[in-house]
């Protein structure tokens, strides 16, 4: 439904903004785990990023994340609302636990499948260090380069 899409989108964008620095740090650590001389603790990644790029460096790649949260959460919540209307009800008129699990799984899988390319761009931007060797100039440039080199 429209309300499910809208409220889910706003909730997803808010959650993404608040937790984004933790996601950034996790991506940086996991992407450089086997490279010598790179940070392996959360505190080290945060300190080095803020020192080199300022606090906004912790939000590198957030544009595609926020832009993707709107359709991702909207698709997830909206499709859940549509699916739950098609599920059998228990004797008391409520959806069964099994029905809720099926709807939630299908809604999350659908949204994730559709929005996966956005997640790829976000991770590529998070892994990129600021400087002369930056492979992607912007999120739009990253989308184009990924499409050219890897397709859909």
Protein backbone atom coordinates (compact mmCIF):
# COMPACT_ATOMS: atom_id res chain seq x y z
CA UNK A 1 0.00 0.00 0.00
CA UNK A 2 1.02 3.63 -0.34
CA UNK A 3 1.27 4.20 3.40
CA UNK A 4 3.46 1.10 3.84
CA UNK A 5 5.74 2.23 1.01
CA UNK A 6 6.04 5.79 2.37
CA UNK A 7 6.54 4.92 6.04
CA UNK A 8 8.96 2.12 5.20
CA UNK A 9 10.98 4.42 2.99
CA UNK A 10 11.31 7.10 5.66
CA UNK A 11 12.19 4.56 8.33
CA UNK A 12 14.83 3.00 6.08
CA UNK A 13 16.42 6.33 5.22
CA UNK A 14 16.58 7.32 8.89
CA UNK A 15 18.10 4.00 9.94
CA UNK A 16 20.61 4.14 7.09
CA UNK A 17 21.77 7.64 8.02
CA UNK A 18 22.18 6.84 11.70
CA UNK A 19 24.04 3.54 11.23
CA UNK A 20 26.01 4.44 8.10
CA UNK A 21 29.39 5.12 9.78
CA UNK A 22 29.34 1.60 11.25
CA UNK A 23 28.61 0.12 7.84
CA UNK A 24 31.42 2.21 6.34
CA UNK A 25 33.90 0.98 8.96
CA UNK A 26 32.84 -2.66 8.50
CA UNK A 27 33.29 -2.40 4.75
CA UNK A 28 36.72 -0.80 5.08
CA UNK A 29 37.93 -3.45 7.51
CA UNK A 30 36.61 -6.41 5.55
CA UNK A 31 37.87 -5.06 2.24
CA UNK A 32 41.41 -4.53 3.50
CA UNK A 33 41.63 -7.41 5.95
CA UNK A 34 44.49 -9.20 4.23
CA UNK A 35 46.44 -6.09 3.23
CA UNK A 36 49.40 -5.23 5.44
CA UNK A 37 49.52 -1.78 6.97
CA UNK A 38 45.77 -1.24 6.89
CA UNK A 39 43.65 -0.77 9.97
CA UNK A 40 41.93 -3.77 11.49
CA UNK A 41 40.02 -2.13 14.35
CA UNK A 42 36.94 0.05 14.27
CA UNK A 43 38.57 2.83 16.27
CA UNK A 44 41.60 2.91 13.98
CA UNK A 45 39.43 3.16 10.86
CA UNK A 46 37.34 5.95 12.38
CA UNK A 47 40.38 7.94 13.54
CA UNK A 48 42.24 7.55 10.24
CA UNK A 49 39.18 8.45 8.18
CA UNK A 50 38.36 11.53 10.25
CA UNK A 51 42.04 12.61 10.20
CA UNK A 52 42.42 12.22 6.41
CA UNK A 53 38.93 13.16 5.20
CA UNK A 54 37.07 14.79 8.07
CA UNK A 55 33.87 13.54 9.70
CA UNK A 56 32.11 13.56 6.33
CA UNK A 57 34.55 10.85 5.21
CA UNK A 58 32.58 8.43 7.40
CA UNK A 59 29.60 9.11 5.14
CA UNK A 60 31.36 8.41 1.85
CA UNK A 61 28.91 6.63 -0.44
CA UNK A 62 25.83 7.61 1.55
CA UNK A 63 24.17 9.18 -1.49
CA UNK A 64 23.40 5.86 -3.17
CA UNK A 65 22.53 4.40 0.22
CA UNK A 66 19.89 7.02 0.99
CA UNK A 67 18.64 7.03 -2.58
CA UNK A 68 18.42 3.24 -2.44
CA UNK A 69 16.76 3.16 1.00
CA UNK A 70 13.68 4.84 -0.38
CA UNK A 71 12.87 2.20 -2.99
CA UNK A 72 14.33 -0.71 -0.98
CA UNK A 73 12.32 -0.12 2.18
CA UNK A 74 9.34 1.03 0.16
CA UNK A 75 9.40 -2.14 -1.93
CA UNK A 76 9.87 -4.29 1.15
CA UNK A 77 7.08 -2.75 3.23
CA UNK A 78 4.77 -2.19 0.29
CA UNK A 79 5.11 -5.72 -1.05
CA UNK A 80 4.66 -7.13 2.45
CA UNK A 81 1.33 -5.29 2.67
CA UNK A 82 0.25 -6.66 -0.72
CA UNK A 83 1.36 -10.21 0.11
CA UNK A 84 -0.27 -10.32 3.53
CA UNK A 85 -3.62 -9.58 1.90
CA UNK A 86 -3.25 -12.79 -0.09
CA UNK A 87 -2.30 -15.05 2.82
CA UNK A 88 -4.78 -17.36 4.53
CA UNK A 89 -5.98 -16.15 7.93
CA UNK A 90 -6.32 -18.10 11.15
CA UNK A 91 -9.67 -18.59 12.85
CA UNK A 92 -9.36 -15.26 14.66
CA UNK A 93 -8.86 -13.43 11.34
CA UNK A 94 -5.14 -12.72 11.78
CA UNK A 95 -2.34 -13.91 9.56
CA UNK A 96 -0.56 -17.04 10.80
CA UNK A 97 3.08 -16.98 11.90
CA UNK A 98 3.96 -19.06 8.84
CA UNK A 99 2.19 -16.53 6.62
CA UNK A 100 4.13 -13.68 8.23
CA UNK A 101 7.42 -15.52 7.66
CA UNK A 102 6.57 -16.20 4.03
CA UNK A 103 5.50 -12.59 3.40
CA UNK A 104 8.55 -11.15 5.15
CA UNK A 105 10.95 -13.45 3.33
CA UNK A 106 9.42 -12.80 -0.07
CA UNK A 107 9.23 -9.04 0.49
CA UNK A 108 12.84 -8.79 1.67
CA UNK A 109 14.14 -11.02 -1.11
CA UNK A 110 12.30 -9.08 -3.78
CA UNK A 111 13.56 -5.72 -2.54
CA UNK A 112 17.12 -7.02 -2.15
CA UNK A 113 17.19 -8.52 -5.63
CA UNK A 114 15.93 -5.33 -7.27
CA UNK A 115 18.24 -3.02 -5.29
CA UNK A 116 21.42 -5.16 -5.35
CA UNK A 117 23.22 -3.05 -7.99
CA UNK A 118 22.84 -0.04 -5.69
CA UNK A 119 24.56 -1.95 -2.87
CA UNK A 120 27.47 -2.78 -5.17
CA UNK A 121 28.01 0.90 -5.99
CA UNK A 122 27.80 1.84 -2.32
CA UNK A 123 30.48 -0.70 -1.37
CA UNK A 124 32.79 0.39 -4.19
CA UNK A 125 32.53 4.01 -3.07
CA UNK A 126 33.17 3.04 0.56
CA UNK A 127 36.33 1.15 -0.37
CA UNK A 128 37.76 3.98 -2.41
CA UNK A 129 40.32 6.10 -0.59
CA UNK A 130 40.40 9.83 -1.15
CA UNK A 131 43.23 11.01 -3.37
CA UNK A 132 44.63 11.03 -6.88
CA UNK A 133 43.99 7.32 -7.47
CA UNK A 134 40.23 7.53 -7.05
CA UNK A 135 38.62 5.23 -9.60
CA UNK A 136 35.14 6.77 -9.35
CA UNK A 137 34.45 10.52 -9.41
CA UNK A 138 30.88 10.22 -8.16
CA UNK A 139 28.09 7.74 -7.60
CA UNK A 140 26.79 8.36 -11.12
CA UNK A 141 30.25 7.73 -12.57
CA UNK A 142 30.50 4.52 -10.54
CA UNK A 143 27.12 3.26 -11.85
CA UNK A 144 28.24 3.91 -15.43
CA UNK A 145 31.64 2.23 -14.96
CA UNK A 146 30.15 -0.83 -13.27
CA UNK A 147 27.59 -1.17 -16.06
CA UNK A 148 30.30 -0.79 -18.76
CA UNK A 149 32.70 -3.28 -17.19
CA UNK A 150 30.37 -5.79 -15.54
CA UNK A 151 26.94 -5.31 -17.07
CA UNK A 152 23.76 -5.63 -15.07
